[in-house]
Structure formats: C-alpha cells, structure tokens
C-alpha cells in the first residue's frame, strides 16, 4: 500500500525527519540489482565534461565519499534515486570488483510519484540552483503533487502553501507550473541551455507555446523552434463561423408556415392598385411558386 503523502515532507526547510517518505538508513552496498529509471534520471542535471573528469579523478583517488540513495518499488525492484553520475563513473571504472563500492541510503518510498517529489525537495535543498532551475522545480512541485492529490490539501490551496514555503507569490507558482509543463516537452539539451542562460524564453512565450500545443496549432517537435521565434506564429484556430452567403440562406419552411404566408398575402391590403409592370412581376412570382411545388392548375 502506497505511503500517505504529507505535503510538509516535501516543502523546503521541513524538519519532519521522522516521515516515512524521507526516513532513511545507511547500509553497505547490497547485492540486489540496481535499476535506473529514465523518467527519474532526467531530473539529474548532467555533468559537463570538466565536471565529470573532476569527479572521476576524485573517485579514483578517494573513492565514493557520499552515499547513493535508493528506494524499493512495490514489486521489489531497487531503484537509484540520487547519485546517478557517481554510479555511472563507478561502473565505468569496474565497479565493486575493482574496489569502487559505496554506502547506500534507502528512502522509505515505494512509487514513482513520491520519488519525483523526493527528488524535487533534494534538488531544491542543494541551494545552488539558478533562478530558472528553481522556477522549474517549484512548477514541478505543484504539478506533481496536484496530479496526485488534486489542487486542494487539508490546509488550503496547494499553490498557497508552496508560495508561502518558497517565499514567492501564488501567481509565481502557477506561472512556474506552466513553464515546467513546456520544458518537459523539449530536449534535455534545450532545457539545460535555458537553465544556463544560453537560450532566452519569456514567460509570455512559454504560455503562448503551451496554449498552441493544447490547441493543436504546433507539434511537439516544433516546440523548440517556436520558443526561439524560429517558427511563424501559429494561425488562430478556425472559429465556428459560416460564410456570408450561408448566413443569408433562408431557413427551410414547413408546409404550415408556407400556407400561412400565402394566406397572409391574400388577406393583406395593398397601399395602391398594382400597375401593369407590377402585375407582370407578380404573375412571374406566382408561376415560379406553382412550378416549385408542382401544383396542377
């Protein structure tokens, strides 16, 4: 049975260390197979070549100084939660067989959604994020928790709680959520280029892009070009309008309405006696009426 989520466990500065969701224990590296889930790995910021070389040299000289973090799914799979870069370097150096072992921290969660929330809190807790990264994680904190439990919590609206804890306005949380929703649909390269300031995208552009995607005006593969203004602004979705000719087409008449209209014309007085030309025009109209309805006169 999944653990019950307490929003306080996932907010910055929480000191509720006894929570089942963040409770952990250290143990020696076990023999259980380690699973890497791409859906979680994408949350880990990739190292630059220089950073990777530095970390590799550190591991060669000093071993793995910090423990790796894992959790177990309900099906018993052991999943890496934090330490992907250290783990990959250890494996490339020969792993435990070559003396590259590590301590483990086991976090007491058992599903992917809770794992995402733990990773958000872990990333925010590092306090070395750029403003853009912080915005992304705040937005994902809202989206992930909202998707699991709905927008309301026991203490009020989720965006109000997050706004208070992150010390921003509630509208900032909602804007962050829109940004995160768009960034999840671009490549990791684009996303991290945005985080590093190599690509600039305005909030208005993020919101315009999200609206265009939802309305089917652009495809996901066009998104990066659209965000960089390399794609023409999508044409507005067609409205449910009719042409002027169609709008002016008379509605079909029922027999009763046709007959009533004819009787009205017969009984209606005229303001003056018809002239020869007017009578001829009237006769033509009557002939057309007779022809239309196939009357035998």
C-alpha atoms as a PDB file:
ATOM      1  CA  UNK A   1       0.000   0.000   0.000  1.00  0.00           C
ATOM      2  CA  UNK A   2       1.494   3.375  -1.017  1.00  0.00           C
ATOM      3  CA  UNK A   3       2.609   5.716   1.752  1.00  0.00           C
ATOM      4  CA  UNK A   4       0.339   8.632   2.544  1.00  0.00           C
ATOM      5  CA  UNK A   5       1.775  11.956   1.374  1.00  0.00           C
ATOM      6  CA  UNK A   6       2.279  14.747   3.871  1.00  0.00           C
ATOM      7  CA  UNK A   7       2.883  17.964   1.961  1.00  0.00           C
ATOM      8  CA  UNK A   8       5.144  19.226   4.744  1.00  0.00           C
ATOM      9  CA  UNK A   9       7.634  16.484   3.948  1.00  0.00           C
ATOM     10  CA  UNK A  10       8.232  17.976   0.515  1.00  0.00           C
ATOM     11  CA  UNK A  11       8.421  21.651   1.332  1.00  0.00           C
ATOM     12  CA  UNK A  12      11.754  23.478   1.685  1.00  0.00           C
ATOM     13  CA  UNK A  13      13.055  23.710   5.203  1.00  0.00           C
ATOM     14  CA  UNK A  14      10.939  20.853   6.538  1.00  0.00           C
ATOM     15  CA  UNK A  15      12.326  19.317   9.711  1.00  0.00           C
ATOM     16  CA  UNK A  16       9.937  16.386   9.823  1.00  0.00           C
ATOM     17  CA  UNK A  17      12.713  13.825   9.564  1.00  0.00           C
ATOM     18  CA  UNK A  18      10.521  11.090  11.036  1.00  0.00           C
ATOM     19  CA  UNK A  19       8.281  10.995   7.978  1.00  0.00           C
ATOM     20  CA  UNK A  20       8.034   7.653   6.231  1.00  0.00           C
ATOM     21  CA  UNK A  21       8.695   9.440   2.943  1.00  0.00           C
ATOM     22  CA  UNK A  22      12.057  10.844   3.969  1.00  0.00           C
ATOM     23  CA  UNK A  23      13.127   8.358   6.629  1.00  0.00           C
ATOM     24  CA  UNK A  24      16.307   6.574   5.566  1.00  0.00           C
ATOM     25  CA  UNK A  25      19.085   4.334   6.746  1.00  0.00           C
ATOM     26  CA  UNK A  26      22.662   3.756   5.674  1.00  0.00           C
ATOM     27  CA  UNK A  27      23.859   0.299   4.781  1.00  0.00           C
ATOM     28  CA  UNK A  28      26.663  -1.304   2.862  1.00  0.00           C
ATOM     29  CA  UNK A  29      26.202  -1.811  -0.862  1.00  0.00           C
ATOM     30  CA  UNK A  30      23.857  -4.758  -1.266  1.00  0.00           C
ATOM     31  CA  UNK A  31      23.933  -7.396  -3.954  1.00  0.00           C
ATOM     32  CA  UNK A  32      20.471  -6.530  -5.266  1.00  0.00           C
ATOM     33  CA  UNK A  33      20.298  -5.467  -8.899  1.00  0.00           C
ATOM     34  CA  UNK A  34      20.191  -1.698  -9.297  1.00  0.00           C
ATOM     35  CA  UNK A  35      17.578  -0.300 -11.678  1.00  0.00           C
ATOM     36  CA  UNK A  36      17.929   3.029 -13.468  1.00  0.00           C
ATOM     37  CA  UNK A  37      14.617   4.603 -14.492  1.00  0.00           C
ATOM     38  CA  UNK A  38      14.972   7.178 -17.259  1.00  0.00           C
ATOM     39  CA  UNK A  39      11.894   9.056 -16.026  1.00  0.00           C
ATOM     40  CA  UNK A  40      13.811   9.814 -12.819  1.00  0.00           C
ATOM     41  CA  UNK A  41      17.295  10.084 -14.292  1.00  0.00           C
ATOM     42  CA  UNK A  42      16.225  13.050 -16.437  1.00  0.00           C
ATOM     43  CA  UNK A  43      15.821  15.057 -13.233  1.00  0.00           C
ATOM     44  CA  UNK A  44      19.540  14.799 -12.571  1.00  0.00           C
ATOM     45  CA  UNK A  45      21.474  17.650 -14.146  1.00  0.00           C
ATOM     46  CA  UNK A  46      24.121  16.182 -16.484  1.00  0.00           C
ATOM     47  CA  UNK A  47      27.758  16.951 -15.747  1.00  0.00           C
ATOM     48  CA  UNK A  48      29.907  18.972 -18.089  1.00  0.00           C
ATOM     49  CA  UNK A  49      32.981  17.197 -19.424  1.00  0.00           C
ATOM     50  CA  UNK A  50      35.171  19.112 -16.982  1.00  0.00           C
ATOM     51  CA  UNK A  51      32.897  18.290 -14.023  1.00  0.00           C
ATOM     52  CA  UNK A  52      32.837  14.625 -14.961  1.00  0.00           C
ATOM     53  CA  UNK A  53      36.627  14.452 -15.245  1.00  0.00           C
ATOM     54  CA  UNK A  54      37.000  16.113 -11.846  1.00  0.00           C
ATOM     55  CA  UNK A  55      34.525  13.711 -10.208  1.00  0.00           C
ATOM     56  CA  UNK A  56      36.182  10.713 -11.830  1.00  0.00           C
ATOM     57  CA  UNK A  57      39.609  11.746 -10.519  1.00  0.00           C
ATOM     58  CA  UNK A  58      38.110  12.252  -7.060  1.00  0.00           C
ATOM     59  CA  UNK A  59      36.576   8.758  -7.093  1.00  0.00           C
ATOM     60  CA  UNK A  60      39.846   7.215  -8.300  1.00  0.00           C
ATOM     61  CA  UNK A  61      41.821   8.889  -5.519  1.00  0.00           C
ATOM     62  CA  UNK A  62      39.344   8.922  -2.627  1.00  0.00           C
ATOM     63  CA  UNK A  63      36.569   6.524  -3.539  1.00  0.00           C
ATOM     64  CA  UNK A  64      32.898   7.465  -3.371  1.00  0.00           C
ATOM     65  CA  UNK A  65      32.661   9.806  -0.402  1.00  0.00           C
ATOM     66  CA  UNK A  66      28.884  10.366  -0.430  1.00  0.00           C
ATOM     67  CA  UNK A  67      26.336   7.554  -0.258  1.00  0.00           C
ATOM     68  CA  UNK A  68      23.978   6.783  -3.132  1.00  0.00           C
ATOM     69  CA  UNK A  69      20.247   6.935  -2.492  1.00  0.00           C
ATOM     70  CA  UNK A  70      17.787   4.197  -3.440  1.00  0.00           C
ATOM     71  CA  UNK A  71      14.190   3.167  -2.899  1.00  0.00           C
ATOM     72  CA  UNK A  72      12.246  -0.030  -3.496  1.00  0.00           C
ATOM     73  CA  UNK A  73       9.193  -0.248  -5.701  1.00  0.00           C
ATOM     74  CA  UNK A  74       6.233  -2.365  -4.614  1.00  0.00           C
ATOM     75  CA  UNK A  75       7.462  -5.105  -6.951  1.00  0.00           C
ATOM     76  CA  UNK A  76      10.771  -5.266  -5.078  1.00  0.00           C
ATOM     77  CA  UNK A  77      12.924  -3.501  -7.670  1.00  0.00           C
ATOM     78  CA  UNK A  78      15.751  -1.458  -6.191  1.00  0.00           C
ATOM     79  CA  UNK A  79      15.813   1.925  -7.943  1.00  0.00           C
ATOM     80  CA  UNK A  80      18.563   4.551  -7.919  1.00  0.00           C
ATOM     81  CA  UNK A  81      17.168   7.859  -6.679  1.00  0.00           C
ATOM     82  CA  UNK A  82      20.246  10.066  -6.293  1.00  0.00           C
ATOM     83  CA  UNK A  83      23.870   9.583  -7.314  1.00  0.00           C
ATOM     84  CA  UNK A  84      23.475   8.654 -10.968  1.00  0.00           C
ATOM     85  CA  UNK A  85      26.725  10.326 -12.036  1.00  0.00           C
ATOM     86  CA  UNK A  86      28.766   8.678  -9.261  1.00  0.00           C
ATOM     87  CA  UNK A  87      27.207   5.307 -10.023  1.00  0.00           C
ATOM     88  CA  UNK A  88      27.955   5.553 -13.761  1.00  0.00           C
ATOM     89  CA  UNK A  89      31.571   6.515 -13.101  1.00  0.00           C
ATOM     90  CA  UNK A  90      31.986   3.632 -10.644  1.00  0.00           C
ATOM     91  CA  UNK A  91      30.613   1.237 -13.249  1.00  0.00           C
ATOM     92  CA  UNK A  92      32.947   2.600 -15.925  1.00  0.00           C
ATOM     93  CA  UNK A  93      35.900   2.024 -13.578  1.00  0.00           C
ATOM     94  CA  UNK A  94      34.966  -1.586 -12.941  1.00  0.00           C
ATOM     95  CA  UNK A  95      32.578  -1.227 -10.053  1.00  0.00           C
ATOM     96  CA  UNK A  96      32.794  -3.246  -6.836  1.00  0.00           C
ATOM     97  CA  UNK A  97      35.122  -5.794  -8.444  1.00  0.00           C
ATOM     98  CA  UNK A  98      37.750  -3.060  -8.710  1.00  0.00           C
ATOM     99  CA  UNK A  99      37.118  -1.684  -5.244  1.00  0.00           C
ATOM    100  CA  UNK A 100      34.736   1.078  -6.192  1.00  0.00           C
ATOM    101  CA  UNK A 101      31.966   0.467  -3.684  1.00  0.00           C
ATOM    102  CA  UNK A 102      29.734   2.902  -1.850  1.00  0.00           C
ATOM    103  CA  UNK A 103      27.335   3.255   1.034  1.00  0.00           C
ATOM    104  CA  UNK A 104      23.609   3.308   0.389  1.00  0.00           C
ATOM    105  CA  UNK A 105      20.784   5.395   1.779  1.00  0.00           C
ATOM    106  CA  UNK A 106      17.408   3.679   1.472  1.00  0.00           C
ATOM    107  CA  UNK A 107      14.449   6.051   1.381  1.00  0.00           C
ATOM    108  CA  UNK A 108      11.134   4.643   2.503  1.00  0.00           C
ATOM    109  CA  UNK A 109       9.003   5.388  -0.551  1.00  0.00           C
ATOM    110  CA  UNK A 110       7.575   2.862  -2.970  1.00  0.00           C
ATOM    111  CA  UNK A 111       6.313   4.576  -6.120  1.00  0.00           C
ATOM    112  CA  UNK A 112       7.461   6.888  -8.910  1.00  0.00           C
ATOM    113  CA  UNK A 113       5.299   9.889  -7.982  1.00  0.00           C
ATOM    114  CA  UNK A 114       6.686  10.013  -4.457  1.00  0.00           C
ATOM    115  CA  UNK A 115      10.182   9.560  -5.883  1.00  0.00           C
ATOM    116  CA  UNK A 116       9.709  12.653  -8.059  1.00  0.00           C
ATOM    117  CA  UNK A 117       8.631  14.686  -5.049  1.00  0.00           C
ATOM    118  CA  UNK A 118      11.650  13.486  -3.074  1.00  0.00           C
ATOM    119  CA  UNK A 119      13.940  14.482  -5.949  1.00  0.00           C
ATOM    120  CA  UNK A 120      12.363  17.938  -6.152  1.00  0.00           C
ATOM    121  CA  UNK A 121      12.971  18.505  -2.470  1.00  0.00           C
ATOM    122  CA  UNK A 122      16.506  17.133  -2.784  1.00  0.00           C
ATOM    123  CA  UNK A 123      17.358  19.422  -5.715  1.00  0.00           C
ATOM    124  CA  UNK A 124      15.879  22.495  -4.024  1.00  0.00           C
ATOM    125  CA  UNK A 125      17.724  21.614  -0.841  1.00  0.00           C
ATOM    126  CA  UNK A 126      21.082  21.934  -2.601  1.00  0.00           C
ATOM    127  CA  UNK A 127      20.521  25.708  -2.748  1.00  0.00           C
ATOM    128  CA  UNK A 128      22.830  26.134  -5.733  1.00  0.00           C
ATOM    129  CA  UNK A 129      20.125  26.308  -8.361  1.00  0.00           C
ATOM    130  CA  UNK A 130      19.798  29.149 -10.819  1.00  0.00           C
ATOM    131  CA  UNK A 131      16.582  31.181 -10.727  1.00  0.00           C
ATOM    132  CA  UNK A 132      15.379  29.355 -13.811  1.00  0.00           C
ATOM    133  CA  UNK A 133      16.036  25.943 -12.296  1.00  0.00           C
ATOM    134  CA  UNK A 134      14.310  26.958  -9.088  1.00  0.00           C
ATOM    135  CA  UNK A 135      11.299  28.082 -11.116  1.00  0.00           C
ATOM    136  CA  UNK A 136      11.263  24.719 -12.905  1.00  0.00           C
ATOM    137  CA  UNK A 137      11.354  22.720  -9.661  1.00  0.00           C
ATOM    138  CA  UNK A 138       8.730  24.896  -7.993  1.00  0.00           C
ATOM    139  CA  UNK A 139       6.490  24.372 -11.001  1.00  0.00           C
ATOM    140  CA  UNK A 140       7.066  20.643 -10.919  1.00  0.00           C
ATOM    141  CA  UNK A 141       6.422  20.524  -7.196  1.00  0.00           C
ATOM    142  CA  UNK A 142       2.978  21.946  -7.929  1.00  0.00           C
ATOM    143  CA  UNK A 143       2.301  19.773 -10.996  1.00  0.00           C
ATOM    144  CA  UNK A 144       3.460  16.532  -9.389  1.00  0.00           C
ATOM    145  CA  UNK A 145       1.554  16.939  -6.161  1.00  0.00           C
ATOM    146  CA  UNK A 146      -1.521  18.399  -7.886  1.00  0.00           C
ATOM    147  CA  UNK A 147      -1.598  15.464 -10.276  1.00  0.00           C
ATOM    148  CA  UNK A 148      -1.540  13.006  -7.395  1.00  0.00           C
ATOM    149  CA  UNK A 149      -3.906  14.522  -4.869  1.00  0.00           C
ATOM    150  CA  UNK A 150      -5.697  17.380  -6.569  1.00  0.00           C
ATOM    151  CA  UNK A 151      -5.230  21.077  -6.013  1.00  0.00           C
ATOM    152  CA  UNK A 152      -6.685  21.207  -2.505  1.00  0.00           C
ATOM    153  CA  UNK A 153      -4.992  19.963   0.651  1.00  0.00           C
ATOM    154  CA  UNK A 154      -6.175  19.916   4.232  1.00  0.00           C
ATOM    155  CA  UNK A 155      -4.593  23.311   4.866  1.00  0.00           C
ATOM    156  CA  UNK A 156      -5.881  25.087   1.771  1.00  0.00           C
ATOM    157  CA  UNK A 157      -4.849  25.530  -1.820  1.00  0.00           C
ATOM    158  CA  UNK A 158      -1.602  23.844  -2.774  1.00  0.00           C
ATOM    159  CA  UNK A 159      -0.285  26.898  -4.616  1.00  0.00           C
ATOM    160  CA  UNK A 160      -0.801  28.991  -1.487  1.00  0.00           C
ATOM    161  CA  UNK A 161       1.174  26.533   0.628  1.00  0.00           C
ATOM    162  CA  UNK A 162       4.003  26.364  -1.881  1.00  0.00           C
ATOM    163  CA  UNK A 163       4.029  30.141  -2.297  1.00  0.00           C
ATOM    164  CA  UNK A 164       4.418  30.580   1.437  1.00  0.00           C
ATOM    165  CA  UNK A 165       7.162  27.994   1.775  1.00  0.00           C
ATOM    166  CA  UNK A 166       9.112  29.169  -1.270  1.00  0.00           C
ATOM    167  CA  UNK A 167       8.569  32.803  -0.267  1.00  0.00           C
ATOM    168  CA  UNK A 168       7.011  33.806  -3.590  1.00  0.00           C
ATOM    169  CA  UNK A 169       3.533  34.825  -4.702  1.00  0.00           C
ATOM    170  CA  UNK A 170       0.898  32.251  -5.630  1.00  0.00           C
ATOM    171  CA  UNK A 171       0.852  33.572  -9.209  1.00  0.00           C
ATOM    172  CA  UNK A 172       4.568  32.784  -9.417  1.00  0.00           C
ATOM    173  CA  UNK A 173       3.824  29.152  -8.553  1.00  0.00           C
ATOM    174  CA  UNK A 174       1.153  28.970 -11.250  1.00  0.00           C
ATOM    175  CA  UNK A 175       3.471  30.579 -13.827  1.00  0.00           C
ATOM    176  CA  UNK A 176       6.258  28.191 -12.810  1.00  0.00           C
ATOM    177  CA  UNK A 177       3.901  25.271 -13.435  1.00  0.00           C
ATOM    178  CA  UNK A 178       3.245  26.453 -17.000  1.00  0.00           C
ATOM    179  CA  UNK A 179       6.985  26.838 -17.634  1.00  0.00           C
ATOM    180  CA  UNK A 180       7.697  23.354 -16.257  1.00  0.00           C
ATOM    181  CA  UNK A 181       4.935  21.829 -18.376  1.00  0.00           C
ATOM    182  CA  UNK A 182       6.529  23.243 -21.530  1.00  0.00           C
ATOM    183  CA  UNK A 183      10.127  22.419 -20.570  1.00  0.00           C
ATOM    184  CA  UNK A 184       9.142  18.789 -20.039  1.00  0.00           C
ATOM    185  CA  UNK A 185       8.379  18.581 -23.751  1.00  0.00           C
ATOM    186  CA  UNK A 186      11.736  19.848 -25.051  1.00  0.00           C
ATOM    187  CA  UNK A 187      15.070  18.042 -25.246  1.00  0.00           C
ATOM    188  CA  UNK A 188      17.379  17.881 -22.231  1.00  0.00           C
ATOM    189  CA  UNK A 189      19.943  19.873 -24.225  1.00  0.00           C
ATOM    190  CA  UNK A 190      17.478  22.716 -24.798  1.00  0.00           C
ATOM    191  CA  UNK A 191      16.243  22.622 -21.214  1.00  0.00           C
ATOM    192  CA  UNK A 192      19.707  22.886 -19.701  1.00  0.00           C
ATOM    193  CA  UNK A 193      20.723  25.543 -22.216  1.00  0.00           C
ATOM    194  CA  UNK A 194      17.746  27.529 -20.940  1.00  0.00           C
ATOM    195  CA  UNK A 195      18.805  26.926 -17.326  1.00  0.00           C
ATOM    196  CA  UNK A 196      22.317  28.165 -18.141  1.00  0.00           C
ATOM    197  CA  UNK A 197      21.041  31.309 -19.850  1.00  0.00           C
ATOM    198  CA  UNK A 198      22.237  30.262 -23.300  1.00  0.00           C
ATOM    199  CA  UNK A 199      18.643  30.319 -24.538  1.00  0.00           C
ATOM    200  CA  UNK A 200      16.224  33.055 -23.507  1.00  0.00           C
ATOM    201  CA  UNK A 201      12.465  32.478 -23.444  1.00  0.00           C
ATOM    202  CA  UNK A 202       9.986  34.929 -21.944  1.00  0.00           C
ATOM    203  CA  UNK A 203       7.164  33.832 -19.665  1.00  0.00           C
ATOM    204  CA  UNK A 204       4.692  35.092 -22.248  1.00  0.00           C
ATOM    205  CA  UNK A 205       6.308  32.842 -24.852  1.00  0.00           C
ATOM    206  CA  UNK A 206       6.052  29.803 -22.571  1.00  0.00           C
ATOM    207  CA  UNK A 207       2.365  30.482 -22.042  1.00  0.00           C
ATOM    208  CA  UNK A 208       1.790  31.094 -25.746  1.00  0.00           C
ATOM    209  CA  UNK A 209       3.551  27.815 -26.552  1.00  0.00           C
ATOM    210  CA  UNK A 210       1.517  25.859 -24.010  1.00  0.00           C
ATOM    211  CA  UNK A 211      -1.724  27.241 -25.443  1.00  0.00           C
ATOM    212  CA  UNK A 212      -0.600  26.470 -29.010  1.00  0.00           C
ATOM    213  CA  UNK A 213       0.236  22.861 -28.085  1.00  0.00           C
ATOM    214  CA  UNK A 214      -3.058  22.269 -26.316  1.00  0.00           C
ATOM    215  CA  UNK A 215      -4.992  23.702 -29.261  1.00  0.00           C
ATOM    216  CA  UNK A 216      -3.033  21.557 -31.709  1.00  0.00           C
ATOM    217  CA  UNK A 217      -1.555  24.551 -33.537  1.00  0.00           C
ATOM    218  CA  UNK A 218       2.040  23.300 -33.265  1.00  0.00           C
ATOM    219  CA  UNK A 219       3.579  19.857 -32.919  1.00  0.00           C
ATOM    220  CA  UNK A 220       5.921  18.918 -30.071  1.00  0.00           C
ATOM    221  CA  UNK A 221       8.850  18.650 -32.474  1.00  0.00           C
ATOM    222  CA  UNK A 222       8.274  22.287 -33.476  1.00  0.00           C
ATOM    223  CA  UNK A 223       8.283  23.499 -29.891  1.00  0.00           C
ATOM    224  CA  UNK A 224      11.952  24.467 -29.550  1.00  0.00           C
ATOM    225  CA  UNK A 225      11.857  26.496 -32.762  1.00  0.00           C
ATOM    226  CA  UNK A 226       8.651  28.149 -31.629  1.00  0.00           C
ATOM    227  CA  UNK A 227      10.144  29.116 -28.264  1.00  0.00           C
ATOM    228  CA  UNK A 228      13.097  30.707 -30.060  1.00  0.00           C
ATOM    229  CA  UNK A 229      10.841  32.551 -32.522  1.00  0.00           C
ATOM    230  CA  UNK A 230      12.172  30.476 -35.390  1.00  0.00           C
ATOM    231  CA  UNK A 231       8.692  29.298 -36.235  1.00  0.00           C
ATOM    232  CA  UNK A 232       5.952  31.517 -37.541  1.00  0.00           C
ATOM    233  CA  UNK A 233       3.231  32.310 -35.071  1.00  0.00           C
ATOM    234  CA  UNK A 234       0.515  29.673 -35.438  1.00  0.00           C
ATOM    235  CA  UNK A 235      -2.634  30.656 -37.239  1.00  0.00           C
ATOM    236  CA  UNK A 236      -5.573  31.071 -34.911  1.00  0.00           C
ATOM    237  CA  UNK A 237      -7.811  28.033 -34.736  1.00  0.00           C
ATOM    238  CA  UNK A 238     -10.768  28.295 -37.106  1.00  0.00           C
ATOM    239  CA  UNK A 239     -13.920  29.579 -35.472  1.00  0.00           C
ATOM    240  CA  UNK A 240     -17.377  28.077 -35.883  1.00  0.00           C
ATOM    241  CA  UNK A 241     -18.492  30.725 -38.331  1.00  0.00           C
ATOM    242  CA  UNK A 242     -20.360  30.464 -41.608  1.00  0.00           C
ATOM    243  CA  UNK A 243     -19.823  32.388 -44.820  1.00  0.00           C
ATOM    244  CA  UNK A 244     -21.944  35.456 -45.549  1.00  0.00           C
ATOM    245  CA  UNK A 245     -23.776  33.530 -48.274  1.00  0.00           C
ATOM    246  CA  UNK A 246     -24.521  30.644 -45.943  1.00  0.00           C
ATOM    247  CA  UNK A 247     -25.604  33.020 -43.191  1.00  0.00           C
ATOM    248  CA  UNK A 248     -28.082  34.674 -45.572  1.00  0.00           C
ATOM    249  CA  UNK A 249     -29.627  31.410 -46.789  1.00  0.00           C
ATOM    250  CA  UNK A 250     -33.281  31.261 -45.674  1.00  0.00           C
ATOM    251  CA  UNK A 251     -34.193  28.553 -43.223  1.00  0.00           C
ATOM    252  CA  UNK A 252     -36.475  25.787 -44.579  1.00  0.00           C
ATOM    253  CA  UNK A 253     -40.200  26.469 -44.247  1.00  0.00           C
ATOM    254  CA  UNK A 254     -42.735  23.934 -43.049  1.00  0.00           C
ATOM    255  CA  UNK A 255     -45.928  23.436 -45.027  1.00  0.00           C
ATOM    256  CA  UNK A 256     -47.946  25.226 -42.369  1.00  0.00           C
ATOM    257  CA  UNK A 257     -45.642  28.235 -42.478  1.00  0.00           C
ATOM    258  CA  UNK A 258     -45.751  28.379 -46.321  1.00  0.00           C
ATOM    259  CA  UNK A 259     -49.521  28.103 -46.404  1.00  0.00           C
ATOM    260  CA  UNK A 260     -49.881  30.708 -43.661  1.00  0.00           C
ATOM    261  CA  UNK A 261     -47.610  33.104 -45.551  1.00  0.00           C
ATOM    262  CA  UNK A 262     -49.678  32.700 -48.740  1.00  0.00           C
ATOM    263  CA  UNK A 263     -52.907  33.297 -46.823  1.00  0.00           C
ATOM    264  CA  UNK A 264     -51.370  36.401 -45.241  1.00  0.00           C
ATOM    265  CA  UNK A 265     -50.527  37.772 -48.715  1.00  0.00           C
ATOM    266  CA  UNK A 266     -54.033  37.056 -49.952  1.00  0.00           C
ATOM    267  CA  UNK A 267     -55.700  38.750 -46.997  1.00  0.00           C
ATOM    268  CA  UNK A 268     -53.294  41.674 -46.682  1.00  0.00           C
ATOM    269  CA  UNK A 269     -54.455  45.031 -48.067  1.00  0.00           C
ATOM    270  CA  UNK A 270     -52.204  46.870 -50.514  1.00  0.00           C
ATOM    271  CA  UNK A 271     -51.488  50.566 -50.382  1.00  0.00           C
ATOM    272  CA  UNK A 272     -52.351  51.122 -54.046  1.00  0.00           C
ATOM    273  CA  UNK A 273     -53.586  49.333 -57.151  1.00  0.00           C
ATOM    274  CA  UNK A 274     -50.870  47.396 -58.997  1.00  0.00           C
ATOM    275  CA  UNK A 275     -49.660  48.756 -62.320  1.00  0.00           C
ATOM    276  CA  UNK A 276     -49.115  46.676 -65.475  1.00  0.00           C
ATOM    277  CA  UNK A 277     -45.416  46.085 -64.801  1.00  0.00           C
ATOM    278  CA  UNK A 278     -46.054  45.162 -61.173  1.00  0.00           C
ATOM    279  CA  UNK A 279     -48.796  42.701 -62.213  1.00  0.00           C
ATOM    280  CA  UNK A 280     -46.449  41.008 -64.674  1.00  0.00           C
ATOM    281  CA  UNK A 281     -43.778  40.689 -61.959  1.00  0.00           C
ATOM    282  CA  UNK A 282     -46.379  39.256 -59.561  1.00  0.00           C
ATOM    283  CA  UNK A 283     -47.541  36.757 -62.189  1.00  0.00           C
ATOM    284  CA  UNK A 284     -43.944  35.583 -62.717  1.00  0.00           C
ATOM    285  CA  UNK A 285     -43.540  35.047 -58.991  1.00  0.00           C
ATOM    286  CA  UNK A 286     -46.799  33.079 -58.778  1.00  0.00           C
ATOM    287  CA  UNK A 287     -45.779  30.925 -61.792  1.00  0.00           C
ATOM    288  CA  UNK A 288     -42.454  30.133 -60.077  1.00  0.00           C
ATOM    289  CA  UNK A 289     -44.312  29.228 -56.920  1.00  0.00           C
ATOM    290  CA  UNK A 290     -46.654  26.896 -58.838  1.00  0.00           C
ATOM    291  CA  UNK A 291     -43.678  25.296 -60.634  1.00  0.00           C
ATOM    292  CA  UNK A 292     -41.710  24.839 -57.409  1.00  0.00           C
ATOM    293  CA  UNK A 293     -44.450  22.916 -55.672  1.00  0.00           C
ATOM    294  CA  UNK A 294     -45.661  21.061 -58.766  1.00  0.00           C
ATOM    295  CA  UNK A 295     -49.186  22.384 -58.480  1.00  0.00           C
ATOM    296  CA  UNK A 296     -51.669  21.288 -61.168  1.00  0.00           C
ATOM    297  CA  UNK A 297     -53.503  24.494 -62.041  1.00  0.00           C
END
